């Protein structure tokens, strides 16, 4: 299948019952500013572009939301339990982006989309959710060209400092996506600090 734009990505997800079940489960929690993001979206696109017949396993399903009224990590664990009760065979990971800047040693995020824009790679800076009519909404702060072109590049945020650049470089080495998706092109940060 050819994927040319965000509409094609939305259609791809719409036709995937497993992904739709996950989106419906998360929507049922009524979380503020929620998204299912990162590898959940990227892996589907890359699997499709590689012609894989079977889904590549992903280590976790990243669910994010933004609630600055309750930043207790315990709340995230409770939400994971609620999701496990709905879909027990899913490796849920729920994070409140209102507190994740502390964990990541970064300035506070203003929203979930702000947090997504500060993910390390443009191809991973993706999120999807369902609106009130169960239509899929896709957010891609850096666009979808890199993910569609199978290009791993740092988000502008991760080019801002030597420390962030190093995190990006370590992450792409550790993830080693080319082992799974052989067509992927990885771009390194060429900085002179």
Protein backbone atom coordinates (compact mmCIF):
# COMPACT_ATOMS: atom_id res chain seq x y z
CA UNK A 1 0.00 0.00 0.00
CA UNK A 2 1.16 3.51 -0.75
CA UNK A 3 0.91 6.05 2.04
CA UNK A 4 1.07 9.64 0.83
CA UNK A 5 -0.46 11.78 3.59
CA UNK A 6 -2.24 11.96 6.93
CA UNK A 7 -5.55 10.86 5.38
CA UNK A 8 -3.89 7.62 4.23
CA UNK A 9 -2.54 7.05 7.76
CA UNK A 10 -5.97 7.62 9.28
CA UNK A 11 -7.51 5.18 6.78
CA UNK A 12 -4.85 2.59 7.61
CA UNK A 13 -5.69 2.80 11.32
CA UNK A 14 -9.44 2.84 10.67
CA UNK A 15 -9.13 -0.50 8.85
CA UNK A 16 -7.13 -2.07 11.70
CA UNK A 17 -9.61 -3.47 14.24
CA UNK A 18 -6.87 -4.11 16.84
CA UNK A 19 -5.85 -0.44 16.74
CA UNK A 20 -9.46 0.72 16.83
CA UNK A 21 -10.15 -1.47 19.89
CA UNK A 22 -7.20 0.19 21.65
CA UNK A 23 -8.41 3.68 20.73
CA UNK A 24 -11.95 2.88 21.92
CA UNK A 25 -10.61 1.48 25.22
CA UNK A 26 -8.57 4.62 25.90
CA UNK A 27 -11.42 6.90 24.88
CA UNK A 28 -13.66 5.16 27.45
CA UNK A 29 -11.48 6.56 30.27
CA UNK A 30 -12.46 10.15 29.36
CA UNK A 31 -8.95 11.45 30.00
CA UNK A 32 -8.15 15.11 29.37
CA UNK A 33 -6.03 15.76 26.25
CA UNK A 34 -5.41 12.04 25.62
CA UNK A 35 -3.52 10.42 22.74
CA UNK A 36 -2.15 7.00 21.83
CA UNK A 37 1.20 7.83 20.37
CA UNK A 38 4.71 7.06 19.19
CA UNK A 39 5.43 3.45 18.15
CA UNK A 40 1.74 2.56 18.05
CA UNK A 41 1.36 4.80 14.99
CA UNK A 42 4.87 4.67 13.54
CA UNK A 43 5.14 0.87 13.58
CA UNK A 44 1.83 0.47 11.72
CA UNK A 45 3.05 2.84 9.00
CA UNK A 46 6.45 1.20 8.69
CA UNK A 47 5.01 -2.35 8.74
CA UNK A 48 2.67 -1.36 5.92
CA UNK A 49 5.42 0.32 3.89
CA UNK A 50 7.56 -2.81 4.26
CA UNK A 51 4.71 -5.07 3.16
CA UNK A 52 4.78 -7.05 6.41
CA UNK A 53 1.82 -9.40 6.74
CA UNK A 54 2.17 -9.65 10.52
CA UNK A 55 2.30 -6.76 12.97
CA UNK A 56 5.72 -6.05 14.45
CA UNK A 57 5.46 -6.47 18.23
CA UNK A 58 5.82 -3.22 20.11
CA UNK A 59 7.09 -3.15 23.70
CA UNK A 60 4.25 -0.95 24.95
CA UNK A 61 1.20 1.01 23.93
CA UNK A 62 1.97 4.61 24.86
CA UNK A 63 -1.09 6.40 26.20
CA UNK A 64 -0.57 10.01 27.23
CA UNK A 65 -2.85 12.63 28.72
CA UNK A 66 -2.47 16.03 30.35
CA UNK A 67 -3.91 16.69 33.80
CA UNK A 68 -2.13 19.22 35.97
CA UNK A 69 -4.71 18.80 38.75
CA UNK A 70 -3.50 15.28 39.65
CA UNK A 71 0.14 14.57 38.91
CA UNK A 72 0.44 11.53 41.18
CA UNK A 73 2.21 8.68 39.38
CA UNK A 74 -0.10 6.27 41.21
CA UNK A 75 -2.99 7.64 39.13
CA UNK A 76 -1.20 6.49 35.96
CA UNK A 77 -0.88 2.98 37.40
CA UNK A 78 -4.60 2.94 38.23
CA UNK A 79 -5.39 3.95 34.65
CA UNK A 80 -3.17 1.16 33.33
CA UNK A 81 -5.11 -1.29 35.51
CA UNK A 82 -8.43 0.00 34.16
CA UNK A 83 -7.16 -0.46 30.60
CA UNK A 84 -5.90 -3.97 31.43
CA UNK A 85 -9.40 -4.80 32.64
CA UNK A 86 -10.77 -3.76 29.23
CA UNK A 87 -7.98 -5.25 27.05
CA UNK A 88 -5.80 -7.53 29.21
CA UNK A 89 -3.29 -8.63 26.54
CA UNK A 90 -2.02 -5.14 25.75
CA UNK A 91 1.25 -3.80 27.26
CA UNK A 92 -0.24 -0.51 28.47
CA UNK A 93 1.95 2.43 29.45
CA UNK A 94 0.03 5.48 30.67
CA UNK A 95 1.80 8.77 31.36
CA UNK A 96 0.50 12.15 32.46
CA UNK A 97 2.50 14.68 30.43
CA UNK A 98 1.79 17.31 33.08
CA UNK A 99 4.46 15.59 35.19
CA UNK A 100 6.73 13.93 32.60
CA UNK A 101 8.92 17.00 32.13
CA UNK A 102 10.24 16.35 35.66
CA UNK A 103 11.10 12.75 34.76
CA UNK A 104 12.73 13.89 31.49
CA UNK A 105 14.50 16.84 33.17
CA UNK A 106 12.92 19.35 30.76
CA UNK A 107 10.86 22.53 31.09
CA UNK A 108 7.11 21.89 31.69
CA UNK A 109 4.96 20.89 28.73
CA UNK A 110 1.88 23.00 28.04
CA UNK A 111 -0.19 20.11 26.64
CA UNK A 112 0.06 16.56 25.35
CA UNK A 113 0.68 17.85 21.82
CA UNK A 114 3.50 20.04 23.16
CA UNK A 115 5.00 16.89 24.73
CA UNK A 116 4.61 14.94 21.46
CA UNK A 117 6.43 17.75 19.63
CA UNK A 118 9.36 17.17 22.00
CA UNK A 119 9.69 13.43 21.40
CA UNK A 120 13.21 12.62 20.12
CA UNK A 121 12.38 11.69 16.48
CA UNK A 122 10.04 13.33 13.99
CA UNK A 123 8.88 9.89 12.81
CA UNK A 124 7.77 9.07 16.36
CA UNK A 125 6.18 12.46 17.10
CA UNK A 126 2.74 11.15 16.21
CA UNK A 127 -0.47 10.66 18.15
CA UNK A 128 -3.98 9.47 17.40
CA UNK A 129 -7.27 9.57 19.26
CA UNK A 130 -11.00 9.36 18.64
CA UNK A 131 -13.26 12.39 18.67
CA UNK A 132 -16.84 12.40 19.98
CA UNK A 133 -18.04 10.75 16.73
CA UNK A 134 -15.31 8.09 16.90
CA UNK A 135 -13.49 9.63 13.95
CA UNK A 136 -9.70 9.35 14.15
CA UNK A 137 -7.72 12.51 14.79
CA UNK A 138 -4.02 12.42 13.94
CA UNK A 139 -1.54 14.88 15.39
CA UNK A 140 1.91 15.19 13.83
CA UNK A 141 3.66 18.37 15.04
CA UNK A 142 6.51 17.85 12.55
CA UNK A 143 4.33 16.50 9.75
CA UNK A 144 4.16 12.97 8.35
CA UNK A 145 6.74 13.19 5.56
CA UNK A 146 9.60 11.69 7.60
CA UNK A 147 7.61 8.70 8.83
CA UNK A 148 6.18 8.08 5.33
CA UNK A 149 9.64 8.42 3.77
CA UNK A 150 11.03 5.99 6.38
CA UNK A 151 13.40 8.63 7.70
CA UNK A 152 14.49 8.87 11.33
CA UNK A 153 15.48 12.46 12.11
CA UNK A 154 15.73 14.39 15.36
CA UNK A 155 12.97 16.82 16.24
CA UNK A 156 14.23 20.43 16.36
CA UNK A 157 14.03 20.29 20.14
CA UNK A 158 16.62 17.48 20.29
CA UNK A 159 19.08 19.53 18.23
CA UNK A 160 19.06 22.38 20.76
CA UNK A 161 21.73 21.09 23.12
CA UNK A 162 24.59 18.65 23.29
CA UNK A 163 22.78 16.70 26.06
CA UNK A 164 19.58 16.27 24.03
CA UNK A 165 21.55 15.40 20.89
CA UNK A 166 23.34 12.71 22.86
CA UNK A 167 20.02 11.28 24.10
CA UNK A 168 18.78 11.13 20.48
CA UNK A 169 21.97 9.39 19.28
CA UNK A 170 21.90 6.86 22.15
CA UNK A 171 18.23 6.16 21.54
CA UNK A 172 18.55 5.45 17.81
CA UNK A 173 21.48 3.14 18.54
CA UNK A 174 19.52 1.29 21.23
CA UNK A 175 16.29 1.05 19.20
CA UNK A 176 18.15 -0.22 16.11
CA UNK A 177 15.01 0.09 13.96
CA UNK A 178 16.91 -0.88 10.79
CA UNK A 179 17.09 -4.46 12.13
CA UNK A 180 13.29 -4.66 11.89
CA UNK A 181 12.47 -2.18 9.13
CA UNK A 182 15.38 -2.53 6.68
CA UNK A 183 14.28 0.38 4.43
CA UNK A 184 14.56 2.93 7.25
CA UNK A 185 17.19 5.66 6.87
CA UNK A 186 18.64 7.02 10.10
CA UNK A 187 19.98 10.58 10.22
CA UNK A 188 22.54 11.58 12.83
CA UNK A 189 22.92 15.01 14.37
CA UNK A 190 25.92 16.78 12.90
CA UNK A 191 26.74 19.31 15.59
CA UNK A 192 29.89 21.03 16.61
CA UNK A 193 29.48 21.94 20.25
